[in-house]
C-alpha atoms as a PDB file:
ATOM      1  CA  MET A   1      -0.022   0.006   0.018  1.00  0.00           C
ATOM      2  CA  LEU A   2       1.201   3.492  -0.760  1.00  0.00           C
ATOM      3  CA  ASN A   3       2.079   6.141   1.766  1.00  0.00           C
ATOM      4  CA  PRO A   4      -1.209   8.000   2.608  1.00  0.00           C
ATOM      5  CA  TYR A   5       0.832  11.227   3.221  1.00  0.00           C
ATOM      6  CA  ALA A   6       2.888  11.149   0.114  1.00  0.00           C
ATOM      7  CA  SER A   7       1.265  14.340  -1.206  1.00  0.00           C
ATOM      8  CA  HIS A   8       2.526  16.214   1.916  1.00  0.00           C
ATOM      9  CA  LEU A   9       6.041  15.005   1.495  1.00  0.00           C
ATOM     10  CA  GLY A  10       6.672  15.695  -2.284  1.00  0.00           C
ATOM     11  CA  ASP A  11      10.361  15.561  -3.095  1.00  0.00           C
ATOM     12  CA  LEU A  12      11.521  16.407   0.469  1.00  0.00           C
ATOM     13  CA  ASP A  13      13.911  13.948   2.151  1.00  0.00           C
ATOM     14  CA  PRO A  14      11.748  12.078   4.712  1.00  0.00           C
ATOM     15  CA  VAL A  15      14.609  11.682   7.201  1.00  0.00           C
ATOM     16  CA  GLU A  16      15.258  15.376   7.232  1.00  0.00           C
ATOM     17  CA  VAL A  17      11.545  16.105   7.596  1.00  0.00           C
ATOM     18  CA  ILE A  18      11.469  13.810  10.642  1.00  0.00           C
ATOM     19  CA  ALA A  19      14.670  15.414  12.009  1.00  0.00           C
ATOM     20  CA  THR A  20      13.368  19.016  11.669  1.00  0.00           C
ATOM     21  CA  THR A  21       9.789  18.578  12.810  1.00  0.00           C
ATOM     22  CA  PRO A  22      10.419  19.148  16.627  1.00  0.00           C
ATOM     23  CA  ALA A  23      12.187  22.435  16.062  1.00  0.00           C
ATOM     24  CA  LYS A  24       9.656  23.669  13.633  1.00  0.00           C
ATOM     25  CA  LEU A  25       6.796  22.815  16.018  1.00  0.00           C
ATOM     26  CA  ARG A  26       8.610  24.690  18.837  1.00  0.00           C
ATOM     27  CA  ALA A  27       9.061  27.824  16.713  1.00  0.00           C
ATOM     28  CA  LEU A  28       5.362  27.654  15.558  1.00  0.00           C
ATOM     29  CA  LEU A  29       4.076  27.319  19.093  1.00  0.00           C
ATOM     30  CA  ASP A  30       6.177  30.237  20.170  1.00  0.00           C
ATOM     31  CA  THR A  31       4.549  32.330  17.396  1.00  0.00           C
ATOM     32  CA  ILE A  32       1.048  31.073  18.235  1.00  0.00           C
ATOM     33  CA  GLY A  33       1.224  31.553  22.003  1.00  0.00           C
ATOM     34  CA  GLY A  34      -0.655  29.682  24.716  1.00  0.00           C
ATOM     35  CA  GLU A  35      -4.171  31.193  24.233  1.00  0.00           C
ATOM     36  CA  ARG A  36      -4.191  30.751  20.462  1.00  0.00           C
ATOM     37  CA  ALA A  37      -2.795  27.140  20.805  1.00  0.00           C
ATOM     38  CA  GLU A  38      -6.187  26.186  22.273  1.00  0.00           C
ATOM     39  CA  GLN A  39      -8.300  27.578  19.349  1.00  0.00           C
ATOM     40  CA  PRO A  40      -9.042  25.314  16.361  1.00  0.00           C
ATOM     41  CA  ARG A  41      -7.948  26.519  13.001  1.00  0.00           C
ATOM     42  CA  ALA A  42     -11.526  26.114  11.718  1.00  0.00           C
ATOM     43  CA  PRO A  43     -14.804  24.727  13.083  1.00  0.00           C
ATOM     44  CA  GLY A  44     -14.561  21.023  13.751  1.00  0.00           C
ATOM     45  CA  LYS A  45     -10.679  21.084  13.151  1.00  0.00           C
ATOM     46  CA  TRP A  46      -8.063  20.408  15.772  1.00  0.00           C
ATOM     47  CA  SER A  47      -6.261  23.178  17.648  1.00  0.00           C
ATOM     48  CA  ALA A  48      -2.507  23.473  17.609  1.00  0.00           C
ATOM     49  CA  ARG A  49      -2.443  21.919  21.016  1.00  0.00           C
ATOM     50  CA  GLU A  50      -4.456  18.922  19.949  1.00  0.00           C
ATOM     51  CA  ILE A  51      -2.191  18.505  16.862  1.00  0.00           C
ATOM     52  CA  VAL A  52       0.971  18.508  18.970  1.00  0.00           C
ATOM     53  CA  CYS A  53      -0.669  15.981  21.340  1.00  0.00           C
ATOM     54  CA  HIS A  54      -1.507  13.871  18.413  1.00  0.00           C
ATOM     55  CA  LEU A  55       2.050  13.930  17.106  1.00  0.00           C
ATOM     56  CA  ALA A  56       3.328  13.083  20.588  1.00  0.00           C
ATOM     57  CA  ASP A  57       0.988  10.063  20.639  1.00  0.00           C
ATOM     58  CA  CYS A  58       2.354   9.020  17.241  1.00  0.00           C
ATOM     59  CA  GLU A  59       5.850   9.055  18.638  1.00  0.00           C
ATOM     60  CA  VAL A  60       4.869   5.889  20.377  1.00  0.00           C
ATOM     61  CA  ALA A  61       3.260   4.357  17.318  1.00  0.00           C
ATOM     62  CA  PHE A  62       6.150   5.306  15.111  1.00  0.00           C
ATOM     63  CA  ALA A  63       8.637   3.835  17.618  1.00  0.00           C
ATOM     64  CA  PHE A  64      10.163   6.354  19.869  1.00  0.00           C
ATOM     65  CA  ARG A  65      13.662   4.945  19.415  1.00  0.00           C
ATOM     66  CA  LEU A  66      13.583   5.034  15.684  1.00  0.00           C
ATOM     67  CA  ARG A  67      12.296   8.691  15.710  1.00  0.00           C
ATOM     68  CA  ARG A  68      14.797   9.910  18.212  1.00  0.00           C
ATOM     69  CA  ASN A  69      17.770   7.779  16.916  1.00  0.00           C
ATOM     70  CA  LEU A  70      17.878   9.272  13.438  1.00  0.00           C
ATOM     71  CA  ALA A  71      21.375   7.861  13.165  1.00  0.00           C
ATOM     72  CA  LEU A  72      19.747   4.418  12.881  1.00  0.00           C
ATOM     73  CA  VAL A  73      17.538   5.487   9.949  1.00  0.00           C
ATOM     74  CA  ARG A  74      20.304   7.345   8.243  1.00  0.00           C
ATOM     75  CA  SER A  75      22.448   4.217   8.525  1.00  0.00           C
ATOM     76  CA  PHE A  76      20.027   2.100   6.458  1.00  0.00           C
ATOM     77  CA  SER A  77      21.221   0.949   3.109  1.00  0.00           C
ATOM     78  CA  THR A  78      19.061   1.010  -0.031  1.00  0.00           C
ATOM     79  CA  ALA A  79      18.694  -2.741   0.447  1.00  0.00           C
ATOM     80  CA  ASP A  80      17.513  -2.180   4.117  1.00  0.00           C
ATOM     81  CA  LEU A  81      14.982   0.392   3.073  1.00  0.00           C
ATOM     82  CA  ALA A  82      13.576  -2.041   0.377  1.00  0.00           C
ATOM     83  CA  ARG A  83      13.006  -4.762   2.889  1.00  0.00           C
ATOM     84  CA  PRO A  84       9.459  -5.933   3.074  1.00  0.00           C
ATOM     85  CA  VAL A  85       7.451  -5.435   6.293  1.00  0.00           C
ATOM     86  CA  ASN A  86       3.910  -6.121   7.218  1.00  0.00           C
ATOM     87  CA  HIS A  87       1.747  -3.351   8.775  1.00  0.00           C
ATOM     88  CA  PRO A  88      -1.260  -4.767  10.807  1.00  0.00           C
ATOM     89  CA  GLU A  89      -3.674  -2.349   9.183  1.00  0.00           C
ATOM     90  CA  ARG A  90      -2.035  -1.478   5.768  1.00  0.00           C
ATOM     91  CA  GLY A  91      -0.523  -4.817   4.842  1.00  0.00           C
ATOM     92  CA  ASP A  92       2.731  -5.371   3.005  1.00  0.00           C
ATOM     93  CA  MET A  93       5.057  -2.446   2.493  1.00  0.00           C
ATOM     94  CA  THR A  94       8.727  -1.546   2.712  1.00  0.00           C
ATOM     95  CA  LEU A  95      10.728   0.041   5.395  1.00  0.00           C
ATOM     96  CA  GLN A  96      11.146   3.055   2.983  1.00  0.00           C
ATOM     97  CA  THR A  97       7.397   3.451   2.925  1.00  0.00           C
ATOM     98  CA  ILE A  98       7.196   3.560   6.741  1.00  0.00           C
ATOM     99  CA  VAL A  99       9.872   6.315   6.908  1.00  0.00           C
ATOM    100  CA  GLU A 100       8.094   8.221   4.174  1.00  0.00           C
ATOM    101  CA  THR A 101       4.786   7.886   5.972  1.00  0.00           C
ATOM    102  CA  MET A 102       6.341   9.198   9.205  1.00  0.00           C
ATOM    103  CA  ALA A 103       7.651  12.246   7.332  1.00  0.00           C
ATOM    104  CA  GLY A 104       4.501  12.823   5.352  1.00  0.00           C
ATOM    105  CA  HIS A 105       2.427  12.640   8.586  1.00  0.00           C
ATOM    106  CA  ASP A 106       4.723  15.239  10.107  1.00  0.00           C
ATOM    107  CA  ARG A 107       4.383  17.568   7.113  1.00  0.00           C
ATOM    108  CA  ASN A 108       0.615  17.209   7.136  1.00  0.00           C
ATOM    109  CA  HIS A 109       0.281  18.358  10.633  1.00  0.00           C
ATOM    110  CA  LEU A 110       3.062  20.971  10.471  1.00  0.00           C
ATOM    111  CA  LYS A 111       1.103  22.603   7.615  1.00  0.00           C
ATOM    112  CA  GLN A 112      -1.984  22.717   9.929  1.00  0.00           C
ATOM    113  CA  VAL A 113      -0.027  24.367  12.761  1.00  0.00           C
ATOM    114  CA  GLU A 114       1.512  26.775  10.172  1.00  0.00           C
ATOM    115  CA  GLU A 115      -1.986  27.683   9.118  1.00  0.00           C
ATOM    116  CA  ILE A 116      -2.894  28.459  12.763  1.00  0.00           C
ATOM    117  CA  ALA A 117       0.353  30.498  13.147  1.00  0.00           C
ATOM    118  CA  GLY A 118      -0.721  32.547  10.166  1.00  0.00           C
END
């Protein structure tokens, strides 16, 4: 199955997206401020605080060690990234697709917080 967030990633390097997401979030939240962080970007949409909480929850799902130890991801060879894996909900995919999904997911939610930051 393809990466459901591929459109958010484009030609960006997924490992670099994953590496830069925390700093970008910190800067955006500084711009937004505490009060605005509670306000949804539109009716029925998540607030910046809810998006950040969601991304924090995903840290667990995307494997905290993998996310924080980017040296591990950067050490993968092309053959490593092409290895087949099985996702319990999405079926067969490659390790590369998982890395791209993580990065695309970050980009999707970063865009939402950027929208809130104005």
